[in-house]
C-alpha atoms as a PDB file:
ATOM      1  CA  UNK A   1     -10.359  24.391  21.073  1.00  0.00           C
ATOM      2  CA  UNK A   2     -10.014  21.749  18.373  1.00  0.00           C
ATOM      3  CA  UNK A   3      -9.327  22.681  14.759  1.00  0.00           C
ATOM      4  CA  UNK A   4      -8.411  20.904  11.535  1.00  0.00           C
ATOM      5  CA  UNK A   5      -5.230  22.629  10.399  1.00  0.00           C
ATOM      6  CA  UNK A   6      -3.443  22.917   7.091  1.00  0.00           C
ATOM      7  CA  UNK A   7       0.114  23.787   8.227  1.00  0.00           C
ATOM      8  CA  UNK A   8       1.690  23.342   4.804  1.00  0.00           C
ATOM      9  CA  UNK A   9       0.258  22.959   1.312  1.00  0.00           C
ATOM     10  CA  UNK A  10       0.711  19.215   1.239  1.00  0.00           C
ATOM     11  CA  UNK A  11      -2.905  18.479   0.396  1.00  0.00           C
ATOM     12  CA  UNK A  12      -5.443  16.399   2.266  1.00  0.00           C
ATOM     13  CA  UNK A  13      -2.929  13.958   3.747  1.00  0.00           C
ATOM     14  CA  UNK A  14      -1.086  16.802   5.505  1.00  0.00           C
ATOM     15  CA  UNK A  15      -4.142  17.920   7.525  1.00  0.00           C
ATOM     16  CA  UNK A  16      -4.009  17.496  11.302  1.00  0.00           C
ATOM     17  CA  UNK A  17      -6.491  17.900  14.161  1.00  0.00           C
ATOM     18  CA  UNK A  18      -4.906  20.152  16.774  1.00  0.00           C
ATOM     19  CA  UNK A  19      -5.640  22.123  19.929  1.00  0.00           C
ATOM     20  CA  UNK A  20      -5.352  25.882  19.322  1.00  0.00           C
ATOM     21  CA  UNK A  21      -6.204  29.045  21.205  1.00  0.00           C
ATOM     22  CA  UNK A  22      -9.814  30.235  20.794  1.00  0.00           C
ATOM     23  CA  UNK A  23     -10.413  33.476  18.878  1.00  0.00           C
ATOM     24  CA  UNK A  24     -10.584  36.828  20.641  1.00  0.00           C
ATOM     25  CA  UNK A  25     -13.520  39.065  19.812  1.00  0.00           C
ATOM     26  CA  UNK A  26     -12.882  42.398  18.094  1.00  0.00           C
ATOM     27  CA  UNK A  27     -15.064  45.415  17.223  1.00  0.00           C
ATOM     28  CA  UNK A  28     -17.618  44.697  14.499  1.00  0.00           C
ATOM     29  CA  UNK A  29     -17.156  40.938  14.724  1.00  0.00           C
ATOM     30  CA  UNK A  30     -18.829  37.960  16.365  1.00  0.00           C
ATOM     31  CA  UNK A  31     -17.499  34.720  17.814  1.00  0.00           C
ATOM     32  CA  UNK A  32     -19.568  31.760  16.665  1.00  0.00           C
ATOM     33  CA  UNK A  33     -19.509  28.272  18.163  1.00  0.00           C
ATOM     34  CA  UNK A  34     -19.584  26.094  15.064  1.00  0.00           C
ATOM     35  CA  UNK A  35     -22.176  23.345  15.094  1.00  0.00           C
ATOM     36  CA  UNK A  36     -21.657  22.182  11.517  1.00  0.00           C
ATOM     37  CA  UNK A  37     -19.436  23.060   8.569  1.00  0.00           C
ATOM     38  CA  UNK A  38     -19.898  22.191   4.906  1.00  0.00           C
ATOM     39  CA  UNK A  39     -17.109  21.056   2.605  1.00  0.00           C
ATOM     40  CA  UNK A  40     -16.898  21.766  -1.113  1.00  0.00           C
ATOM     41  CA  UNK A  41     -14.627  20.702  -3.965  1.00  0.00           C
ATOM     42  CA  UNK A  42     -12.614  23.903  -3.661  1.00  0.00           C
ATOM     43  CA  UNK A  43     -11.527  22.765  -0.178  1.00  0.00           C
ATOM     44  CA  UNK A  44      -9.552  19.946  -1.795  1.00  0.00           C
ATOM     45  CA  UNK A  45      -7.724  22.540  -3.891  1.00  0.00           C
ATOM     46  CA  UNK A  46      -7.128  25.186  -1.250  1.00  0.00           C
ATOM     47  CA  UNK A  47      -5.265  22.779   1.055  1.00  0.00           C
ATOM     48  CA  UNK A  48      -2.911  21.989  -1.832  1.00  0.00           C
ATOM     49  CA  UNK A  49      -2.335  25.624  -2.801  1.00  0.00           C
ATOM     50  CA  UNK A  50      -4.180  25.164  -6.102  1.00  0.00           C
ATOM     51  CA  UNK A  51      -7.114  27.513  -5.531  1.00  0.00           C
ATOM     52  CA  UNK A  52      -7.550  31.218  -6.336  1.00  0.00           C
ATOM     53  CA  UNK A  53      -7.534  32.031  -2.603  1.00  0.00           C
ATOM     54  CA  UNK A  54      -4.279  31.300  -0.764  1.00  0.00           C
ATOM     55  CA  UNK A  55      -4.786  31.944   2.956  1.00  0.00           C
ATOM     56  CA  UNK A  56      -1.915  32.414   5.350  1.00  0.00           C
ATOM     57  CA  UNK A  57      -0.712  29.243   7.056  1.00  0.00           C
ATOM     58  CA  UNK A  58      -1.928  27.598   9.179  1.00  0.00           C
ATOM     59  CA  UNK A  59      -5.621  27.664   8.277  1.00  0.00           C
ATOM     60  CA  UNK A  60      -8.641  25.379   8.385  1.00  0.00           C
ATOM     61  CA  UNK A  61     -10.709  24.175   5.417  1.00  0.00           C
ATOM     62  CA  UNK A  62     -14.470  24.593   5.421  1.00  0.00           C
ATOM     63  CA  UNK A  63     -16.065  27.551   3.651  1.00  0.00           C
ATOM     64  CA  UNK A  64     -19.576  27.355   5.125  1.00  0.00           C
ATOM     65  CA  UNK A  65     -20.751  27.112   8.723  1.00  0.00           C
ATOM     66  CA  UNK A  66     -23.830  27.105  10.923  1.00  0.00           C
ATOM     67  CA  UNK A  67     -23.633  27.755  14.645  1.00  0.00           C
ATOM     68  CA  UNK A  68     -24.524  29.830  17.684  1.00  0.00           C
ATOM     69  CA  UNK A  69     -23.304  33.322  18.549  1.00  0.00           C
ATOM     70  CA  UNK A  70     -21.170  33.147  21.707  1.00  0.00           C
ATOM     71  CA  UNK A  71     -19.799  36.663  21.979  1.00  0.00           C
ATOM     72  CA  UNK A  72     -20.271  39.959  20.149  1.00  0.00           C
ATOM     73  CA  UNK A  73     -17.759  42.730  19.643  1.00  0.00           C
ATOM     74  CA  UNK A  74     -18.183  46.439  20.192  1.00  0.00           C
ATOM     75  CA  UNK A  75     -20.549  48.001  17.658  1.00  0.00           C
ATOM     76  CA  UNK A  76     -22.373  44.775  16.729  1.00  0.00           C
ATOM     77  CA  UNK A  77     -26.121  45.460  16.620  1.00  0.00           C
ATOM     78  CA  UNK A  78     -27.749  42.708  14.547  1.00  0.00           C
ATOM     79  CA  UNK A  79     -26.900  39.743  16.768  1.00  0.00           C
ATOM     80  CA  UNK A  80     -26.852  38.701  20.410  1.00  0.00           C
ATOM     81  CA  UNK A  81     -25.316  35.708  22.197  1.00  0.00           C
ATOM     82  CA  UNK A  82     -27.488  32.647  21.618  1.00  0.00           C
ATOM     83  CA  UNK A  83     -28.575  33.630  18.102  1.00  0.00           C
ATOM     84  CA  UNK A  84     -28.445  30.901  15.442  1.00  0.00           C
ATOM     85  CA  UNK A  85     -26.503  31.952  12.345  1.00  0.00           C
ATOM     86  CA  UNK A  86     -24.968  30.788   9.082  1.00  0.00           C
ATOM     87  CA  UNK A  87     -21.983  32.257   7.274  1.00  0.00           C
ATOM     88  CA  UNK A  88     -19.822  31.887   4.199  1.00  0.00           C
ATOM     89  CA  UNK A  89     -16.180  32.196   5.285  1.00  0.00           C
ATOM     90  CA  UNK A  90     -14.155  31.189   2.180  1.00  0.00           C
ATOM     91  CA  UNK A  91     -12.131  28.965   4.560  1.00  0.00           C
ATOM     92  CA  UNK A  92     -11.672  28.377   8.296  1.00  0.00           C
ATOM     93  CA  UNK A  93     -14.898  26.610   9.259  1.00  0.00           C
ATOM     94  CA  UNK A  94     -13.525  23.260  10.418  1.00  0.00           C
ATOM     95  CA  UNK A  95     -12.873  24.333  13.986  1.00  0.00           C
ATOM     96  CA  UNK A  96     -14.966  24.624  17.108  1.00  0.00           C
ATOM     97  CA  UNK A  97     -15.092  28.438  17.161  1.00  0.00           C
ATOM     98  CA  UNK A  98     -14.670  31.070  14.471  1.00  0.00           C
ATOM     99  CA  UNK A  99     -14.624  34.857  14.417  1.00  0.00           C
ATOM    100  CA  UNK A 100     -16.858  36.357  11.726  1.00  0.00           C
ATOM    101  CA  UNK A 101     -17.576  39.926  10.658  1.00  0.00           C
ATOM    102  CA  UNK A 102     -21.131  40.916  11.505  1.00  0.00           C
ATOM    103  CA  UNK A 103     -21.812  41.736   7.846  1.00  0.00           C
ATOM    104  CA  UNK A 104     -21.008  38.127   6.858  1.00  0.00           C
ATOM    105  CA  UNK A 105     -23.589  36.546   9.158  1.00  0.00           C
ATOM    106  CA  UNK A 106     -27.152  35.584   8.249  1.00  0.00           C
ATOM    107  CA  UNK A 107     -29.755  34.628  10.878  1.00  0.00           C
ATOM    108  CA  UNK A 108     -31.181  31.115  10.538  1.00  0.00           C
ATOM    109  CA  UNK A 109     -34.683  29.900  11.456  1.00  0.00           C
ATOM    110  CA  UNK A 110     -35.047  28.152  14.817  1.00  0.00           C
ATOM    111  CA  UNK A 111     -36.644  25.099  13.198  1.00  0.00           C
ATOM    112  CA  UNK A 112     -33.738  24.450  10.843  1.00  0.00           C
ATOM    113  CA  UNK A 113     -31.124  21.832  11.880  1.00  0.00           C
ATOM    114  CA  UNK A 114     -27.513  23.053  11.863  1.00  0.00           C
ATOM    115  CA  UNK A 115     -26.282  20.281   9.552  1.00  0.00           C
ATOM    116  CA  UNK A 116     -28.840  21.245   6.903  1.00  0.00           C
ATOM    117  CA  UNK A 117     -28.285  25.000   7.264  1.00  0.00           C
ATOM    118  CA  UNK A 118     -24.495  24.738   7.009  1.00  0.00           C
ATOM    119  CA  UNK A 119     -24.564  23.815   3.318  1.00  0.00           C
ATOM    120  CA  UNK A 120     -27.048  26.395   2.027  1.00  0.00           C
ATOM    121  CA  UNK A 121     -24.907  29.489   1.412  1.00  0.00           C
ATOM    122  CA  UNK A 122     -22.816  28.657  -1.642  1.00  0.00           C
ATOM    123  CA  UNK A 123     -25.049  26.584  -3.915  1.00  0.00           C
ATOM    124  CA  UNK A 124     -28.375  28.210  -3.100  1.00  0.00           C
ATOM    125  CA  UNK A 125     -26.793  31.641  -2.710  1.00  0.00           C
ATOM    126  CA  UNK A 126     -25.314  31.389  -6.199  1.00  0.00           C
ATOM    127  CA  UNK A 127     -28.630  30.301  -7.706  1.00  0.00           C
ATOM    128  CA  UNK A 128     -30.568  33.035  -5.892  1.00  0.00           C
ATOM    129  CA  UNK A 129     -28.119  35.675  -7.104  1.00  0.00           C
ATOM    130  CA  UNK A 130     -28.233  34.277 -10.651  1.00  0.00           C
ATOM    131  CA  UNK A 131     -31.999  34.075 -11.030  1.00  0.00           C
ATOM    132  CA  UNK A 132     -33.155  37.040  -8.929  1.00  0.00           C
ATOM    133  CA  UNK A 133     -30.346  39.583  -9.339  1.00  0.00           C
ATOM    134  CA  UNK A 134     -28.957  38.789 -12.798  1.00  0.00           C
ATOM    135  CA  UNK A 135     -31.534  37.034 -15.002  1.00  0.00           C
ATOM    136  CA  UNK A 136     -34.683  38.315 -13.230  1.00  0.00           C
ATOM    137  CA  UNK A 137     -36.306  34.972 -13.907  1.00  0.00           C
ATOM    138  CA  UNK A 138     -40.107  35.089 -14.126  1.00  0.00           C
ATOM    139  CA  UNK A 139     -42.816  32.546 -13.415  1.00  0.00           C
ATOM    140  CA  UNK A 140     -43.680  30.594 -16.559  1.00  0.00           C
ATOM    141  CA  UNK A 141     -40.311  31.076 -18.257  1.00  0.00           C
ATOM    142  CA  UNK A 142     -38.208  28.092 -19.349  1.00  0.00           C
ATOM    143  CA  UNK A 143     -34.771  27.449 -17.878  1.00  0.00           C
ATOM    144  CA  UNK A 144     -32.136  25.006 -19.145  1.00  0.00           C
ATOM    145  CA  UNK A 145     -29.735  23.910 -16.407  1.00  0.00           C
ATOM    146  CA  UNK A 146     -26.458  22.294 -17.436  1.00  0.00           C
ATOM    147  CA  UNK A 147     -24.780  19.894 -15.026  1.00  0.00           C
ATOM    148  CA  UNK A 148     -28.183  19.583 -13.415  1.00  0.00           C
ATOM    149  CA  UNK A 149     -27.312  16.689 -11.092  1.00  0.00           C
ATOM    150  CA  UNK A 150     -24.354  18.398  -9.406  1.00  0.00           C
ATOM    151  CA  UNK A 151     -24.608  20.467  -6.259  1.00  0.00           C
ATOM    152  CA  UNK A 152     -24.833  23.759  -8.139  1.00  0.00           C
ATOM    153  CA  UNK A 153     -27.242  22.321 -10.705  1.00  0.00           C
ATOM    154  CA  UNK A 154     -29.651  20.779  -8.200  1.00  0.00           C
ATOM    155  CA  UNK A 155     -29.789  24.006  -6.192  1.00  0.00           C
ATOM    156  CA  UNK A 156     -30.500  25.983  -9.359  1.00  0.00           C
ATOM    157  CA  UNK A 157     -33.168  23.464 -10.346  1.00  0.00           C
ATOM    158  CA  UNK A 158     -34.928  23.843  -7.009  1.00  0.00           C
ATOM    159  CA  UNK A 159     -34.753  27.648  -6.990  1.00  0.00           C
ATOM    160  CA  UNK A 160     -36.043  27.876 -10.566  1.00  0.00           C
ATOM    161  CA  UNK A 161     -38.951  25.584  -9.697  1.00  0.00           C
ATOM    162  CA  UNK A 162     -39.674  27.626  -6.585  1.00  0.00           C
ATOM    163  CA  UNK A 163     -39.920  30.755  -8.740  1.00  0.00           C
ATOM    164  CA  UNK A 164     -42.361  28.924 -10.997  1.00  0.00           C
ATOM    165  CA  UNK A 165     -40.218  28.311 -14.065  1.00  0.00           C
ATOM    166  CA  UNK A 166     -40.291  25.287 -16.319  1.00  0.00           C
ATOM    167  CA  UNK A 167     -36.971  23.459 -15.923  1.00  0.00           C
ATOM    168  CA  UNK A 168     -35.119  21.407 -18.529  1.00  0.00           C
ATOM    169  CA  UNK A 169     -32.368  19.487 -16.726  1.00  0.00           C
ATOM    170  CA  UNK A 170     -29.305  18.636 -18.807  1.00  0.00           C
ATOM    171  CA  UNK A 171     -26.706  16.112 -17.636  1.00  0.00           C
ATOM    172  CA  UNK A 172     -24.344  13.370 -18.829  1.00  0.00           C
ATOM    173  CA  UNK A 173     -26.157  10.132 -17.898  1.00  0.00           C
ATOM    174  CA  UNK A 174     -29.598   8.633 -17.339  1.00  0.00           C
ATOM    175  CA  UNK A 175     -28.748   8.083 -13.659  1.00  0.00           C
ATOM    176  CA  UNK A 176     -27.957  11.767 -13.178  1.00  0.00           C
ATOM    177  CA  UNK A 177     -31.110  12.774 -15.001  1.00  0.00           C
ATOM    178  CA  UNK A 178     -33.196  10.498 -12.782  1.00  0.00           C
ATOM    179  CA  UNK A 179     -31.876  12.418  -9.780  1.00  0.00           C
ATOM    180  CA  UNK A 180     -32.810  15.682 -11.482  1.00  0.00           C
ATOM    181  CA  UNK A 181     -36.343  14.365 -12.053  1.00  0.00           C
ATOM    182  CA  UNK A 182     -36.598  13.509  -8.356  1.00  0.00           C
ATOM    183  CA  UNK A 183     -35.816  17.160  -7.635  1.00  0.00           C
ATOM    184  CA  UNK A 184     -38.590  18.380  -9.927  1.00  0.00           C
ATOM    185  CA  UNK A 185     -37.179  18.693 -13.446  1.00  0.00           C
ATOM    186  CA  UNK A 186     -39.961  18.998 -16.046  1.00  0.00           C
ATOM    187  CA  UNK A 187     -37.872  17.678 -18.946  1.00  0.00           C
ATOM    188  CA  UNK A 188     -34.408  16.118 -19.246  1.00  0.00           C
ATOM    189  CA  UNK A 189     -31.657  15.934 -21.854  1.00  0.00           C
ATOM    190  CA  UNK A 190     -28.658  13.587 -21.874  1.00  0.00           C
ATOM    191  CA  UNK A 191     -26.102  15.669 -23.745  1.00  0.00           C
ATOM    192  CA  UNK A 192     -23.827  12.685 -24.299  1.00  0.00           C
ATOM    193  CA  UNK A 193     -26.409  11.110 -26.609  1.00  0.00           C
ATOM    194  CA  UNK A 194     -28.522  14.071 -27.802  1.00  0.00           C
ATOM    195  CA  UNK A 195     -27.597  17.270 -29.597  1.00  0.00           C
ATOM    196  CA  UNK A 196     -28.133  19.846 -26.857  1.00  0.00           C
ATOM    197  CA  UNK A 197     -29.130  22.705 -29.122  1.00  0.00           C
ATOM    198  CA  UNK A 198     -31.577  20.650 -31.169  1.00  0.00           C
ATOM    199  CA  UNK A 199     -33.251  19.022 -28.133  1.00  0.00           C
ATOM    200  CA  UNK A 200     -33.671  22.359 -26.370  1.00  0.00           C
ATOM    201  CA  UNK A 201     -35.300  23.736 -29.493  1.00  0.00           C
ATOM    202  CA  UNK A 202     -37.548  20.683 -29.798  1.00  0.00           C
ATOM    203  CA  UNK A 203     -38.652  20.876 -26.166  1.00  0.00           C
ATOM    204  CA  UNK A 204     -39.617  24.534 -26.593  1.00  0.00           C
ATOM    205  CA  UNK A 205     -41.459  24.115 -29.878  1.00  0.00           C
ATOM    206  CA  UNK A 206     -38.648  25.820 -31.792  1.00  0.00           C
ATOM    207  CA  UNK A 207     -38.827  28.964 -29.654  1.00  0.00           C
ATOM    208  CA  UNK A 208     -35.756  28.375 -27.512  1.00  0.00           C
ATOM    209  CA  UNK A 209     -35.221  28.713 -23.762  1.00  0.00           C
ATOM    210  CA  UNK A 210     -35.530  31.950 -21.837  1.00  0.00           C
ATOM    211  CA  UNK A 211     -32.601  31.336 -19.491  1.00  0.00           C
ATOM    212  CA  UNK A 212     -29.546  29.047 -19.509  1.00  0.00           C
ATOM    213  CA  UNK A 213     -27.772  28.295 -16.196  1.00  0.00           C
ATOM    214  CA  UNK A 214     -24.295  27.035 -17.053  1.00  0.00           C
ATOM    215  CA  UNK A 215     -21.838  25.919 -14.356  1.00  0.00           C
ATOM    216  CA  UNK A 216     -20.142  23.547 -16.840  1.00  0.00           C
ATOM    217  CA  UNK A 217     -18.688  25.595 -19.701  1.00  0.00           C
ATOM    218  CA  UNK A 218     -16.745  23.787 -22.432  1.00  0.00           C
ATOM    219  CA  UNK A 219     -18.377  22.887 -25.733  1.00  0.00           C
ATOM    220  CA  UNK A 220     -21.842  22.813 -24.198  1.00  0.00           C
ATOM    221  CA  UNK A 221     -21.945  26.563 -23.623  1.00  0.00           C
ATOM    222  CA  UNK A 222     -22.180  27.602 -27.269  1.00  0.00           C
ATOM    223  CA  UNK A 223     -24.759  24.909 -28.013  1.00  0.00           C
ATOM    224  CA  UNK A 224     -26.942  26.150 -25.165  1.00  0.00           C
ATOM    225  CA  UNK A 225     -26.519  29.796 -26.149  1.00  0.00           C
ATOM    226  CA  UNK A 226     -27.627  28.952 -29.694  1.00  0.00           C
ATOM    227  CA  UNK A 227     -30.797  27.465 -28.178  1.00  0.00           C
ATOM    228  CA  UNK A 228     -31.881  30.651 -26.377  1.00  0.00           C
ATOM    229  CA  UNK A 229     -34.904  32.601 -27.507  1.00  0.00           C
ATOM    230  CA  UNK A 230     -35.018  36.253 -28.592  1.00  0.00           C
ATOM    231  CA  UNK A 231     -33.869  38.347 -25.603  1.00  0.00           C
ATOM    232  CA  UNK A 232     -32.886  35.222 -23.710  1.00  0.00           C
ATOM    233  CA  UNK A 233     -30.345  35.290 -20.896  1.00  0.00           C
ATOM    234  CA  UNK A 234     -27.271  33.107 -20.653  1.00  0.00           C
ATOM    235  CA  UNK A 235     -25.833  32.778 -17.145  1.00  0.00           C
ATOM    236  CA  UNK A 236     -22.160  31.819 -17.050  1.00  0.00           C
ATOM    237  CA  UNK A 237     -21.665  30.402 -13.555  1.00  0.00           C
ATOM    238  CA  UNK A 238     -18.533  28.233 -13.702  1.00  0.00           C
ATOM    239  CA  UNK A 239     -16.394  25.864 -15.724  1.00  0.00           C
ATOM    240  CA  UNK A 240     -16.638  22.393 -14.202  1.00  0.00           C
ATOM    241  CA  UNK A 241     -15.597  20.930 -17.568  1.00  0.00           C
ATOM    242  CA  UNK A 242     -12.181  22.524 -17.107  1.00  0.00           C
ATOM    243  CA  UNK A 243     -12.528  24.563 -20.302  1.00  0.00           C
ATOM    244  CA  UNK A 244     -13.527  28.220 -20.491  1.00  0.00           C
ATOM    245  CA  UNK A 245     -15.559  28.576 -23.705  1.00  0.00           C
ATOM    246  CA  UNK A 246     -14.882  31.177 -26.387  1.00  0.00           C
ATOM    247  CA  UNK A 247     -18.275  32.447 -27.535  1.00  0.00           C
ATOM    248  CA  UNK A 248     -18.839  34.097 -30.962  1.00  0.00           C
ATOM    249  CA  UNK A 249     -20.322  37.461 -29.944  1.00  0.00           C
ATOM    250  CA  UNK A 250     -22.424  37.650 -33.097  1.00  0.00           C
ATOM    251  CA  UNK A 251     -24.746  35.118 -31.412  1.00  0.00           C
ATOM    252  CA  UNK A 252     -25.638  37.690 -28.766  1.00  0.00           C
ATOM    253  CA  UNK A 253     -26.219  40.266 -31.493  1.00  0.00           C
ATOM    254  CA  UNK A 254     -28.431  38.039 -33.640  1.00  0.00           C
ATOM    255  CA  UNK A 255     -30.555  36.870 -30.714  1.00  0.00           C
ATOM    256  CA  UNK A 256     -30.670  40.168 -28.860  1.00  0.00           C
ATOM    257  CA  UNK A 257     -29.721  38.093 -25.830  1.00  0.00           C
ATOM    258  CA  UNK A 258     -27.691  38.833 -22.724  1.00  0.00           C
ATOM    259  CA  UNK A 259     -24.604  36.955 -21.549  1.00  0.00           C
ATOM    260  CA  UNK A 260     -24.520  37.504 -17.804  1.00  0.00           C
ATOM    261  CA  UNK A 261     -21.656  36.751 -15.446  1.00  0.00           C
ATOM    262  CA  UNK A 262     -22.604  35.161 -12.115  1.00  0.00           C
ATOM    263  CA  UNK A 263     -19.819  35.912  -9.623  1.00  0.00           C
ATOM    264  CA  UNK A 264     -21.579  35.304  -6.308  1.00  0.00           C
ATOM    265  CA  UNK A 265     -18.350  35.376  -4.304  1.00  0.00           C
ATOM    266  CA  UNK A 266     -17.710  38.995  -5.287  1.00  0.00           C
ATOM    267  CA  UNK A 267     -21.359  40.047  -5.303  1.00  0.00           C
ATOM    268  CA  UNK A 268     -21.775  39.220  -1.622  1.00  0.00           C
ATOM    269  CA  UNK A 269     -18.925  41.662  -0.855  1.00  0.00           C
ATOM    270  CA  UNK A 270     -20.149  44.395  -3.190  1.00  0.00           C
ATOM    271  CA  UNK A 271     -23.869  43.913  -2.486  1.00  0.00           C
ATOM    272  CA  UNK A 272     -24.048  42.436   1.037  1.00  0.00           C
ATOM    273  CA  UNK A 273     -27.643  43.469   1.740  1.00  0.00           C
ATOM    274  CA  UNK A 274     -28.874  41.656  -1.370  1.00  0.00           C
ATOM    275  CA  UNK A 275     -26.959  38.531  -0.375  1.00  0.00           C
ATOM    276  CA  UNK A 276     -28.335  38.539   3.171  1.00  0.00           C
ATOM    277  CA  UNK A 277     -31.879  38.897   1.836  1.00  0.00           C
ATOM    278  CA  UNK A 278     -31.323  36.063  -0.657  1.00  0.00           C
ATOM    279  CA  UNK A 279     -29.838  33.658   1.909  1.00  0.00           C
ATOM    280  CA  UNK A 280     -32.565  34.472   4.457  1.00  0.00           C
ATOM    281  CA  UNK A 281     -35.204  33.650   1.838  1.00  0.00           C
ATOM    282  CA  UNK A 282     -33.450  30.412   0.879  1.00  0.00           C
ATOM    283  CA  UNK A 283     -33.182  29.365   4.541  1.00  0.00           C
ATOM    284  CA  UNK A 284     -36.902  29.964   5.033  1.00  0.00           C
ATOM    285  CA  UNK A 285     -37.664  27.847   1.965  1.00  0.00           C
ATOM    286  CA  UNK A 286     -35.459  25.080   3.351  1.00  0.00           C
ATOM    287  CA  UNK A 287     -37.127  25.346   6.756  1.00  0.00           C
ATOM    288  CA  UNK A 288     -40.637  25.007   5.295  1.00  0.00           C
ATOM    289  CA  UNK A 289     -39.637  22.089   3.064  1.00  0.00           C
ATOM    290  CA  UNK A 290     -39.835  23.922  -0.271  1.00  0.00           C
ATOM    291  CA  UNK A 291     -36.123  23.265  -0.821  1.00  0.00           C
ATOM    292  CA  UNK A 292     -34.552  19.948   0.138  1.00  0.00           C
ATOM    293  CA  UNK A 293     -30.742  20.100   0.331  1.00  0.00           C
ATOM    294  CA  UNK A 294     -29.154  16.775  -0.519  1.00  0.00           C
ATOM    295  CA  UNK A 295     -26.625  15.630   2.081  1.00  0.00           C
ATOM    296  CA  UNK A 296     -24.330  12.821   0.998  1.00  0.00           C
ATOM    297  CA  UNK A 297     -22.710  12.144   4.381  1.00  0.00           C
ATOM    298  CA  UNK A 298     -21.882  13.577   7.790  1.00  0.00           C
ATOM    299  CA  UNK A 299     -18.496  13.197   9.473  1.00  0.00           C
ATOM    300  CA  UNK A 300     -17.058  14.212  12.852  1.00  0.00           C
ATOM    301  CA  UNK A 301     -14.345  16.882  12.906  1.00  0.00           C
ATOM    302  CA  UNK A 302     -11.630  14.250  13.364  1.00  0.00           C
ATOM    303  CA  UNK A 303     -12.555  12.657  10.011  1.00  0.00           C
ATOM    304  CA  UNK A 304     -12.385  15.831   7.907  1.00  0.00           C
ATOM    305  CA  UNK A 305      -9.537  14.424   5.793  1.00  0.00           C
ATOM    306  CA  UNK A 306     -11.571  11.281   5.040  1.00  0.00           C
ATOM    307  CA  UNK A 307     -14.519  13.460   4.044  1.00  0.00           C
ATOM    308  CA  UNK A 308     -12.342  15.534   1.715  1.00  0.00           C
ATOM    309  CA  UNK A 309     -10.968  12.409   0.036  1.00  0.00           C
ATOM    310  CA  UNK A 310     -14.518  11.428  -0.876  1.00  0.00           C
ATOM    311  CA  UNK A 311     -15.008  14.793  -2.543  1.00  0.00           C
ATOM    312  CA  UNK A 312     -11.646  14.635  -4.311  1.00  0.00           C
ATOM    313  CA  UNK A 313     -12.506  11.197  -5.697  1.00  0.00           C
ATOM    314  CA  UNK A 314     -15.846  12.513  -7.013  1.00  0.00           C
ATOM    315  CA  UNK A 315     -17.793  10.003  -4.918  1.00  0.00           C
ATOM    316  CA  UNK A 316     -20.024  12.538  -3.188  1.00  0.00           C
ATOM    317  CA  UNK A 317     -23.514  13.255  -4.504  1.00  0.00           C
ATOM    318  CA  UNK A 318     -24.731  16.153  -2.410  1.00  0.00           C
ATOM    319  CA  UNK A 319     -23.143  18.019   0.480  1.00  0.00           C
ATOM    320  CA  UNK A 320     -20.504  16.688   2.826  1.00  0.00           C
ATOM    321  CA  UNK A 321     -21.083  17.992   6.348  1.00  0.00           C
ATOM    322  CA  UNK A 322     -18.675  18.142   9.287  1.00  0.00           C
ATOM    323  CA  UNK A 323     -20.491  17.970  12.626  1.00  0.00           C
ATOM    324  CA  UNK A 324     -18.793  19.181  15.776  1.00  0.00           C
ATOM    325  CA  UNK A 325     -18.612  16.877  18.767  1.00  0.00           C
ATOM    326  CA  UNK A 326     -21.206  17.831  21.359  1.00  0.00           C
ATOM    327  CA  UNK A 327     -19.950  18.208  24.926  1.00  0.00           C
END
């Protein structure tokens, strides 16, 4: 079978497309024929040895897949050959077949195309975990989403709207905010020209926001936390700014608010049943059109390196999908 291989940590330029032996099924696992894989920014880091996960060489990039079950191992009960599935793998998806533990697979609706389904797990899974499992977001509450035009931000925006919350999208340009409005943002803030704390207060009549979703970090985090209401919830999701903020804890005391960590990658291991339920719900919402994943481009397996360069250069707006060649 064909696979994109990282044989040494030389980055994107060192990737090759090679013929390798197909996987052999084992108890408790499933062999999936990959129909589509999704790439993310962390793939550009992992192939250079700069990510928190350092898989054994050689390995394939691609942390998310959608495909068809080809073979099941002894003890597998939830799936049969022919079933359509999605999975989050951490890495290894850019190859024609993968072996996946049964517990890591989620069934996908028949009506959902593989290229769309492949990119649902990480961004929507993180937002589902954040809003349902951590913040317990309620209909009618107000959410401020930082970095609202990025992949994580747009997914959070859509999930919050689906729950019935009022969404204030916060981003760094009018162009990015226009995209957020297209995805349903009720209000927008350009935090390069406006004071984030003051505008959030103004847009909530001085009350403050119920929930902050922050995948950005940096100086914006404290401003947003200061704009939460009494018993608000601040979700720390990531640090795209490159700076992990240091928050004065007296703010949490004075506001009676919660600062909640959103570590989806560990939660899906510790709480797998919750994650499966969340991803199944997100896939159904995508299938019925309630959620509309934004795909920037699709590439064949042979052009995986080209696709990754687009991500590394920050040119991609939305998901980059690798589609397997049909035979």
